[in-house]
Protein backbone atom coordinates (compact mmCIF):
# COMPACT_ATOMS: atom_id res chain seq x y z
CA MET A 1 4.56 -14.15 18.99
CA THR A 2 5.03 -16.35 22.37
CA ASP A 3 8.31 -18.11 23.42
CA SER A 4 10.38 -16.34 20.48
CA THR A 5 14.45 -15.04 20.91
CA PRO A 6 15.58 -12.03 18.63
CA ALA A 7 16.90 -13.08 15.14
CA ALA A 8 20.70 -11.40 15.87
CA SER A 9 21.12 -13.11 19.28
CA ALA A 10 22.64 -16.59 19.01
CA PRO A 11 20.32 -19.61 18.91
CA ALA A 12 19.61 -21.75 21.99
CA GLU A 13 21.79 -25.20 21.89
CA GLY A 14 19.37 -27.66 20.58
CA GLU A 15 16.68 -25.09 18.87
CA ARG A 16 15.19 -26.45 16.01
CA HIS A 17 16.06 -24.54 12.46
CA ALA A 18 13.97 -25.07 9.36
CA SER A 19 14.88 -28.09 7.59
CA TRP A 20 16.07 -29.22 3.99
CA LEU A 21 12.35 -29.90 3.25
CA GLU A 22 11.04 -26.62 4.41
CA LEU A 23 13.77 -25.07 2.59
CA PHE A 24 12.80 -26.73 -0.55
CA PHE A 25 8.83 -25.87 0.15
CA ASP A 26 9.81 -22.13 0.54
CA LEU A 27 11.27 -22.16 -3.22
CA THR A 28 7.43 -22.40 -3.89
CA ALA A 29 7.24 -18.59 -2.56
CA VAL A 30 9.83 -17.35 -4.30
CA ALA A 31 8.41 -17.79 -7.42
CA GLY A 32 4.90 -16.35 -6.30
CA VAL A 33 5.99 -13.39 -5.18
CA ALA A 34 8.19 -12.89 -8.13
CA GLN A 35 5.04 -13.81 -10.43
CA LEU A 36 2.33 -11.42 -8.15
CA ALA A 37 4.72 -8.99 -8.85
CA HIS A 38 3.62 -8.86 -12.36
CA LEU A 39 0.46 -8.28 -11.88
CA LEU A 40 2.13 -4.21 -10.60
CA HIS A 41 4.23 -4.06 -13.76
CA GLY A 42 3.86 -0.79 -15.86
CA SER A 43 1.11 1.53 -14.67
CA PRO A 44 -0.77 -0.33 -12.46
CA GLY A 45 -4.26 0.79 -11.93
CA PRO A 46 -6.85 0.19 -8.52
CA GLY A 47 -8.14 -3.10 -9.64
CA ASP A 48 -4.70 -3.95 -11.17
CA VAL A 49 -3.21 -3.57 -6.92
CA ALA A 50 -6.88 -4.19 -5.49
CA LEU A 51 -6.47 -8.70 -7.44
CA TYR A 52 -3.15 -8.42 -6.60
CA ALA A 53 -4.09 -8.06 -2.31
CA VAL A 54 -5.89 -10.44 -3.34
CA MET A 55 -3.84 -13.05 -5.03
CA PHE A 56 -0.83 -12.32 -2.63
CA LEU A 57 -3.18 -13.14 0.66
CA ALA A 58 -4.20 -16.40 -0.83
CA PHE A 59 -0.77 -17.40 -2.07
CA TRP A 60 0.39 -16.17 1.49
CA THR A 61 -2.20 -18.49 3.18
CA GLY A 62 -1.52 -21.53 1.56
CA TRP A 63 1.67 -20.77 2.32
CA MET A 64 1.87 -20.16 5.93
CA LEU A 65 -0.69 -22.92 6.61
CA PHE A 66 1.64 -25.79 5.08
CA THR A 67 4.87 -23.43 7.27
CA VAL A 68 2.23 -24.17 10.56
CA TYR A 69 1.55 -27.89 9.82
CA GLY A 70 5.80 -28.80 9.49
CA ASN A 71 6.09 -26.70 12.33
CA VAL A 72 4.09 -28.55 14.60
CA SER A 73 5.03 -31.98 13.36
CA GLY A 74 8.63 -31.39 13.43
CA GLU A 75 9.72 -34.96 12.15
CA GLU A 76 6.61 -36.70 11.64
CA THR A 77 5.57 -34.02 8.87
CA ARG A 78 4.91 -36.46 6.30
CA THR A 79 6.84 -35.50 3.43
CA TRP A 80 4.73 -36.36 0.64
CA THR A 81 2.03 -33.74 1.53
CA VAL A 82 4.05 -30.77 2.11
CA LEU A 83 5.07 -31.99 -1.70
CA ALA A 84 1.60 -31.84 -2.49
CA GLY A 85 1.41 -28.57 -1.18
CA MET A 86 4.09 -27.47 -2.74
CA PHE A 87 2.29 -28.66 -6.58
CA GLY A 88 -0.46 -26.77 -5.95
CA MET A 89 1.54 -23.39 -5.04
CA ALA A 90 3.42 -24.25 -8.03
CA VAL A 91 0.19 -24.51 -10.19
CA MET A 92 -1.25 -21.19 -8.20
CA ALA A 93 2.35 -19.21 -8.92
CA ALA A 94 2.37 -20.16 -12.46
CA SER A 95 -1.71 -19.61 -13.14
CA VAL A 96 -0.58 -15.49 -12.35
CA HIS A 97 0.49 -14.35 -15.25
CA GLY A 98 -3.13 -15.41 -17.15
CA VAL A 99 -5.18 -14.67 -14.01
CA ARG A 100 -7.50 -12.13 -15.98
CA GLU A 101 -7.52 -14.34 -19.53
CA ASP A 102 -8.34 -18.17 -19.11
CA ARG A 103 -6.05 -19.41 -15.93
CA ALA A 104 -8.23 -17.59 -12.85
CA GLY A 105 -10.51 -21.11 -12.77
CA ALA A 106 -6.60 -22.78 -12.52
CA PHE A 107 -6.34 -20.22 -9.96
CA ALA A 108 -8.76 -20.71 -7.77
CA LEU A 109 -9.16 -24.89 -7.96
CA ALA A 110 -4.92 -24.60 -6.99
CA TYR A 111 -6.34 -22.78 -3.61
CA ILE A 112 -8.95 -24.80 -2.80
CA LEU A 113 -6.89 -28.00 -3.05
CA VAL A 114 -4.03 -26.34 -0.96
CA ARG A 115 -6.31 -25.57 2.07
CA SER A 116 -7.89 -28.75 1.73
CA LEU A 117 -5.03 -31.17 1.68
CA ALA A 118 -3.92 -28.46 4.81
CA GLY A 119 -6.97 -29.32 6.66
CA LYS A 120 -6.67 -33.26 5.84
CA ALA A 121 -3.17 -33.09 7.97
CA TRP A 122 -4.55 -31.80 10.98
CA GLU A 123 -7.58 -33.99 10.64
CA ARG A 124 -5.12 -37.32 10.32
CA ARG A 125 -3.17 -35.84 12.92
CA GLY A 126 -6.12 -35.70 15.75
CA GLU A 127 -4.89 -32.03 16.59
CA TYR A 128 -5.39 -28.55 16.45
CA VAL A 129 -3.92 -25.63 16.90
CA PRO A 130 -5.31 -23.09 18.65
CA ASP A 131 -3.59 -19.98 17.42
CA LEU A 132 -4.41 -20.83 14.16
CA PRO A 133 -8.38 -21.32 13.69
CA ILE A 134 -8.83 -21.03 10.36
CA THR A 135 -7.60 -24.95 10.31
CA GLN A 136 -10.95 -25.37 11.89
CA TRP A 137 -13.17 -22.54 10.26
CA GLY A 138 -13.67 -24.11 6.76
CA LEU A 139 -16.04 -21.15 5.81
CA GLY A 140 -13.33 -19.14 4.77
CA LEU A 141 -13.15 -21.61 1.65
CA THR A 142 -16.36 -21.65 0.48
CA PRO A 143 -16.87 -18.53 -1.82
CA TRP A 144 -13.89 -19.51 -3.26
CA ILE A 145 -16.14 -22.92 -4.14
CA VAL A 146 -18.82 -21.00 -5.59
CA SER A 147 -16.28 -18.55 -7.55
CA MET A 148 -15.83 -21.27 -10.44
CA TRP A 149 -19.05 -20.82 -11.84
CA PHE A 150 -18.42 -17.07 -12.24
CA ASP A 151 -15.86 -15.11 -13.91
CA GLY A 152 -14.21 -11.48 -13.80
CA THR A 153 -15.17 -9.26 -10.56
CA ALA A 154 -17.81 -11.33 -9.70
CA ARG A 155 -15.13 -14.14 -9.22
CA TYR A 156 -12.13 -11.98 -8.04
CA ALA A 157 -15.27 -10.28 -5.25
CA LEU A 158 -15.68 -14.02 -4.27
CA TRP A 159 -11.91 -14.57 -3.38
CA ALA A 160 -12.28 -11.10 -1.80
CA LEU A 161 -15.38 -12.75 0.08
CA GLY A 162 -12.97 -15.83 1.56
CA LEU A 163 -9.90 -14.01 2.36
CA ALA A 164 -11.83 -11.17 4.54
CA ILE A 165 -14.10 -14.43 6.35
CA ASP A 166 -10.71 -16.03 7.28
CA LEU A 167 -8.77 -12.73 8.84
CA ALA A 168 -11.57 -11.91 10.66
CA VAL A 169 -11.70 -15.69 12.11
CA MET A 170 -7.62 -14.80 13.08
CA PHE A 171 -8.84 -11.63 14.69
CA THR A 172 -11.42 -12.66 16.74
CA VAL A 173 -11.32 -16.11 17.41
CA SER A 174 -9.27 -16.96 20.88
CA GLY A 175 -8.07 -20.36 21.28
CA LYS A 176 -10.31 -20.49 24.49
CA ARG A 177 -12.78 -20.01 21.65
CA LEU A 178 -11.50 -23.00 19.44
CA ALA A 179 -11.38 -25.13 21.90
CA ALA A 180 -14.42 -24.46 23.38
CA ARG A 181 -15.99 -24.81 19.84
CA MET A 182 -13.55 -28.48 19.38
CA GLU A 183 -15.19 -29.85 22.99
CA ALA A 184 -18.54 -29.42 21.26
CA GLN A 185 -17.73 -30.94 17.85
CA TYR A 186 -16.36 -34.35 20.14
CA ALA A 187 -19.20 -34.20 22.11
CA GLU A 188 -21.78 -34.35 19.26
CA GLU A 189 -20.15 -36.68 17.41
CA ALA A 190 -19.38 -39.23 20.70
CA ALA A 191 -23.33 -38.69 21.25
CA ARG A 192 -23.71 -40.32 18.11
CA ARG A 193 -21.46 -43.23 17.62
CA ARG A 194 -21.31 -46.00 20.72
CA ARG A 195 -17.41 -45.96 20.73
CA SER A 196 -15.97 -42.62 21.64
CA PRO A 197 -13.62 -41.02 18.88
CA PRO A 198 -10.53 -40.19 19.25
CA LYS A 199 -10.29 -36.69 21.41
CA PRO A 200 -8.50 -34.14 18.90
CA VAL A 201 -5.45 -32.76 21.01
CA ALA A 202 -4.50 -28.90 21.14
CA VAL A 203 -0.86 -28.26 19.97
CA LEU A 204 1.03 -25.34 20.44
CA MET A 205 3.30 -24.47 17.94
CA ASP A 206 7.05 -23.97 18.43
CA ALA A 207 7.68 -20.63 18.17
CA PRO A 208 11.15 -19.45 17.79
CA HIS A 209 11.54 -22.23 14.79
CA LEU A 210 7.73 -20.37 13.16
CA GLY A 211 9.79 -16.83 13.53
CA GLU A 212 12.63 -18.15 11.79
CA ARG A 213 10.29 -19.41 8.98
CA LEU A 214 8.45 -15.83 8.92
CA GLY A 215 11.84 -14.06 8.91
CA LEU A 216 12.28 -16.15 6.07
CA PHE A 217 9.52 -15.13 4.24
CA GLN A 218 10.68 -11.69 4.31
CA LEU A 219 14.25 -12.11 3.14
CA ILE A 220 12.57 -13.81 -0.20
CA VAL A 221 10.57 -11.00 -0.38
CA LEU A 222 13.09 -8.57 0.23
CA GLY A 223 15.80 -10.70 -2.62
CA GLU A 224 12.68 -10.77 -4.65
CA ALA A 225 12.70 -6.62 -4.75
CA VAL A 226 16.46 -6.55 -5.19
CA ALA A 227 15.88 -8.53 -8.45
CA GLN A 228 13.41 -6.36 -9.59
CA VAL A 229 15.33 -3.64 -9.59
CA VAL A 230 18.62 -5.13 -11.43
CA ALA A 231 16.66 -6.71 -14.12
CA ALA A 232 14.88 -2.95 -14.67
CA ALA A 233 18.57 -1.52 -14.28
CA SER A 234 19.90 -3.70 -16.62
CA GLU A 235 18.31 -3.01 -19.25
CA ALA A 236 18.16 1.47 -18.79
CA GLU A 237 20.54 3.44 -20.32
CA TRP A 238 23.49 3.98 -17.23
CA ASP A 239 23.71 7.56 -16.10
CA ALA A 240 24.29 9.72 -13.43
CA ALA A 241 19.96 9.30 -12.34
CA LEU A 242 20.14 5.67 -12.57
CA TYR A 243 22.63 5.48 -10.30
CA GLY A 244 21.37 7.67 -7.62
CA VAL A 245 17.90 5.35 -7.84
CA GLY A 246 19.82 2.41 -7.49
CA ALA A 247 21.90 3.44 -4.68
CA GLY A 248 18.36 4.42 -3.06
CA ALA A 249 17.08 1.68 -3.60
CA PHE A 250 19.22 -0.37 -1.93
CA LEU A 251 19.53 1.56 0.93
CA LEU A 252 16.16 1.89 1.38
CA LEU A 253 15.91 -1.94 1.28
CA LEU A 254 18.67 -2.33 3.99
CA LEU A 255 16.18 -0.25 6.19
CA LEU A 256 13.61 -2.63 5.54
CA TRP A 257 15.39 -5.07 6.48
CA SER A 258 17.28 -3.45 9.51
CA LEU A 259 13.57 -2.72 11.05
CA SER A 260 12.24 -6.48 10.27
CA LEU A 261 14.78 -7.96 11.07
CA ARG A 262 16.98 -6.49 13.51
CA HIS A 263 14.24 -4.33 15.15
CA GLY A 264 11.39 -6.30 14.38
CA ALA A 265 10.03 -10.03 15.58
CA ASP A 266 8.00 -12.46 13.03
CA GLY A 267 9.25 -10.02 10.48
CA VAL A 268 6.93 -7.56 11.97
CA PRO A 269 9.00 -4.01 12.17
CA LEU A 270 8.94 -2.87 15.53
CA LEU A 271 7.36 -5.41 16.83
CA ALA A 272 8.56 -6.64 20.49
CA TRP A 273 8.88 -10.39 21.19
CA ASP A 274 6.40 -12.20 22.88
CA VAL A 275 3.86 -9.38 23.25
CA LEU A 276 0.74 -10.93 20.92
CA PRO A 277 -0.66 -14.01 20.41
CA VAL A 278 0.50 -15.97 16.85
CA ARG A 279 -3.18 -15.56 15.12
CA LEU A 280 -2.84 -11.68 15.42
CA VAL A 281 1.15 -11.94 14.41
CA LEU A 282 0.61 -13.69 11.27
CA PRO A 283 -1.87 -11.04 9.58
CA LEU A 284 0.61 -8.71 10.58
CA HIS A 285 2.86 -10.29 8.65
CA CYS A 286 1.55 -11.39 5.48
CA PHE A 287 0.21 -7.09 5.66
CA VAL A 288 4.15 -5.87 5.28
CA ALA A 289 5.27 -9.14 3.42
CA GLY A 290 2.40 -7.84 0.59
CA SER A 291 3.00 -4.05 1.20
CA VAL A 292 6.99 -5.22 0.88
CA ALA A 293 6.67 -7.24 -2.12
CA ALA A 294 4.27 -4.41 -4.04
CA LEU A 295 7.26 -1.49 -3.02
CA ALA A 296 10.11 -4.14 -5.12
CA ALA A 297 7.61 -3.88 -7.70
CA ALA A 298 7.37 0.04 -7.34
CA LEU A 299 11.03 0.11 -7.72
CA GLY A 300 11.14 -1.62 -10.75
CA ASN A 301 8.39 0.31 -12.43
CA ALA A 302 9.92 3.45 -11.24
CA VAL A 303 13.29 2.65 -12.59
CA GLU A 304 12.18 3.61 -15.79
CA TYR A 305 11.34 7.39 -15.07
CA THR A 306 14.96 8.42 -14.21
CA ASP A 307 14.42 11.73 -16.66
CA HIS A 308 10.99 12.97 -16.64
CA PRO A 309 8.08 12.23 -13.91
CA VAL A 310 6.73 9.00 -12.51
CA PRO A 311 3.11 8.56 -13.63
CA GLY A 312 0.68 8.85 -10.63
CA SER A 313 0.13 4.94 -10.45
CA VAL A 314 3.29 4.52 -10.43
CA ARG A 315 4.11 7.02 -7.27
CA TRP A 316 0.98 6.15 -5.38
CA LEU A 317 2.64 2.39 -5.73
CA LEU A 318 5.36 3.31 -4.02
CA CYS A 319 3.97 5.60 -1.39
CA GLY A 320 1.37 3.92 -0.88
CA SER A 321 3.04 0.48 -0.05
CA ALA A 322 5.71 2.69 1.99
CA ALA A 323 2.90 3.94 3.87
CA VAL A 324 1.21 0.29 4.78
CA TYR A 325 4.99 -0.93 6.37
CA LEU A 326 4.85 2.24 8.29
CA ALA A 327 1.11 2.22 9.29
CA ILE A 328 1.99 -1.59 10.87
CA ALA A 329 4.97 -0.42 12.17
CA GLY A 330 3.43 1.83 14.33
CA VAL A 331 0.52 -0.96 15.22
CA ALA A 332 3.15 -3.07 15.82
CA ALA A 333 5.29 -0.73 18.59
CA LEU A 334 2.11 -0.06 20.19
CA SER A 335 1.52 -2.96 21.00
CA SER A 336 4.76 -3.82 21.90
CA GLY A 337 4.19 -1.55 25.23
CA ARG A 338 5.56 1.65 23.47
CA GLY A 339 3.20 4.16 24.58
CA GLY A 340 1.18 6.72 21.99
CA ARG A 341 2.97 9.42 22.15
CA GLU A 342 6.22 7.53 21.16
CA ALA A 343 4.89 5.24 18.90
CA ALA A 344 3.48 8.13 16.60
CA LEU A 345 7.37 9.86 16.96
CA LEU A 346 8.41 6.64 16.16
CA VAL A 347 6.50 6.23 12.28
CA GLY A 348 4.31 9.45 12.17
CA PRO A 349 6.77 12.12 10.28
CA SER A 350 7.64 9.26 7.98
CA LEU A 351 3.85 8.34 6.97
CA ALA A 352 2.75 12.10 6.97
CA VAL A 353 5.52 12.90 4.68
CA VAL A 354 4.82 9.78 2.30
CA LEU A 355 1.07 10.13 2.09
CA VAL A 356 1.65 13.86 1.47
CA THR A 357 4.00 13.27 -1.55
CA GLY A 358 2.19 10.40 -3.15
CA ALA A 359 -0.94 12.82 -3.38
CA VAL A 360 0.80 16.19 -4.04
CA ASP A 361 3.90 15.64 -5.90
CA ARG A 362 3.20 15.21 -9.38
CA GLU A 363 6.57 16.44 -10.85
CA ALA A 364 8.63 14.38 -8.58
CA VAL A 365 11.01 11.83 -10.60
CA ALA A 366 12.21 8.37 -9.39
CA VAL A 367 15.84 9.80 -7.78
CA GLN A 368 13.67 11.75 -5.80
CA LEU A 369 11.12 9.82 -5.00
CA VAL A 370 13.36 6.85 -3.84
CA TRP A 371 15.77 8.61 -1.85
CA LEU A 372 11.86 10.32 0.31
CA LEU A 373 11.19 6.95 1.27
CA VAL A 374 15.02 6.02 2.32
CA LEU A 375 14.10 9.19 4.46
CA ALA A 376 11.08 8.36 5.78
CA ALA A 377 12.74 4.89 6.97
CA ALA A 378 15.56 6.03 8.16
CA TRP A 379 13.71 7.66 11.08
CA PRO A 380 12.25 5.07 12.91
CA ARG A 381 15.61 3.08 12.01
CA VAL A 382 17.38 6.26 13.58
CA LEU A 383 15.26 6.79 16.58
CA VAL A 384 14.33 3.58 17.66
CA ASP A 385 18.01 3.15 19.33
CA ARG A 386 17.69 6.66 21.28
CA LEU A 387 13.90 5.76 22.54
CA PRO A 388 14.17 4.02 25.53
CA ARG A 389 13.94 0.17 24.95
CA THR A 390 10.18 -1.43 26.12
CA PRO A 391 11.03 -3.84 28.63
CA PRO A 392 10.03 -8.03 27.96
CA PRO A 393 6.86 -8.39 29.17
CA SER A 394 7.29 -11.59 32.82
CA HIS A 395 4.91 -13.56 30.55
CA ALA A 396 3.47 -14.99 27.21
CA PRO A 397 0.05 -13.41 26.02
CA SER A 398 -2.72 -16.17 26.37
CA PRO A 399 -3.84 -17.00 23.04
């Protein structure tokens, strides 16, 4: 992300930090991540994992839109606008538990309102963010509106379609293309009126402040992982196997914290600062957060299998979420200027071991799986300090 500073460095004089309002807003992320983890409790099947992925992405999108609004608005942020968004996201979080019964409509309606409220906030300011094209491209919201007339799988499929459209926009629409679109819209509207309307102004994000907010979200997700393990351990029989699982889970989360926040940027593991535009960093951040939150639920599930083999669904949730995390770390390393061989060396062995274990190790108990994940996370953490560091770029990339 442009103009960011490493989280481990001392803050620059006068550098802006998260406000009390922003930290209060982040409490909805705490509630939302905790509720979404319930979708993966027990022995989740492919449908459960797919629904979790869709709902996590929707929740994260709402959080991100208001985070960017506060980032750009600064002291001009409207408190009631943020609180209204917070209430909408709280409704989304509360709807998760009964989404398969009668609360899917409430979740969709709350998401529609959150997205609409965020869009109105930018319209009111007469600004647009080149690095966040979905604030001006609202096509992804249409399937959510249509979903209000459907139930079950069809409704979830429409949610997924809307989110896929938003992701496509984020990855493909550059700042220059968005600026051209805004210019065309302005010219068309000016031609219809006698008096020219105010021209939309492009605004840039406060990158260090946004990096701090993204890092705080990852801390929230890691904190939920700790809570999942603690809650599961409090109800299990305390024996040597449980001690092994607990110690391994704590060390695993410590390694993920180090990779994401001490050896990464914006909460993305192994990502260097200033190498990707924000519109690409944000989806990567979402995928990392979603994989760690899924891993948190899997760790809680695994505590119940300290003395007999972990079911295939739980094993795959553990290994699959770790594989997603490692794959994104590899993409981030490659994007940060490391060569293909170096990036493959950093994450390739760990990724291969995790995938093979998920596929064939059907007799593994929880302590074996957890410590295998510890080794998988430890490999890039140890190696990254020994490989040559990538020199920082001479200038920020264009959007």
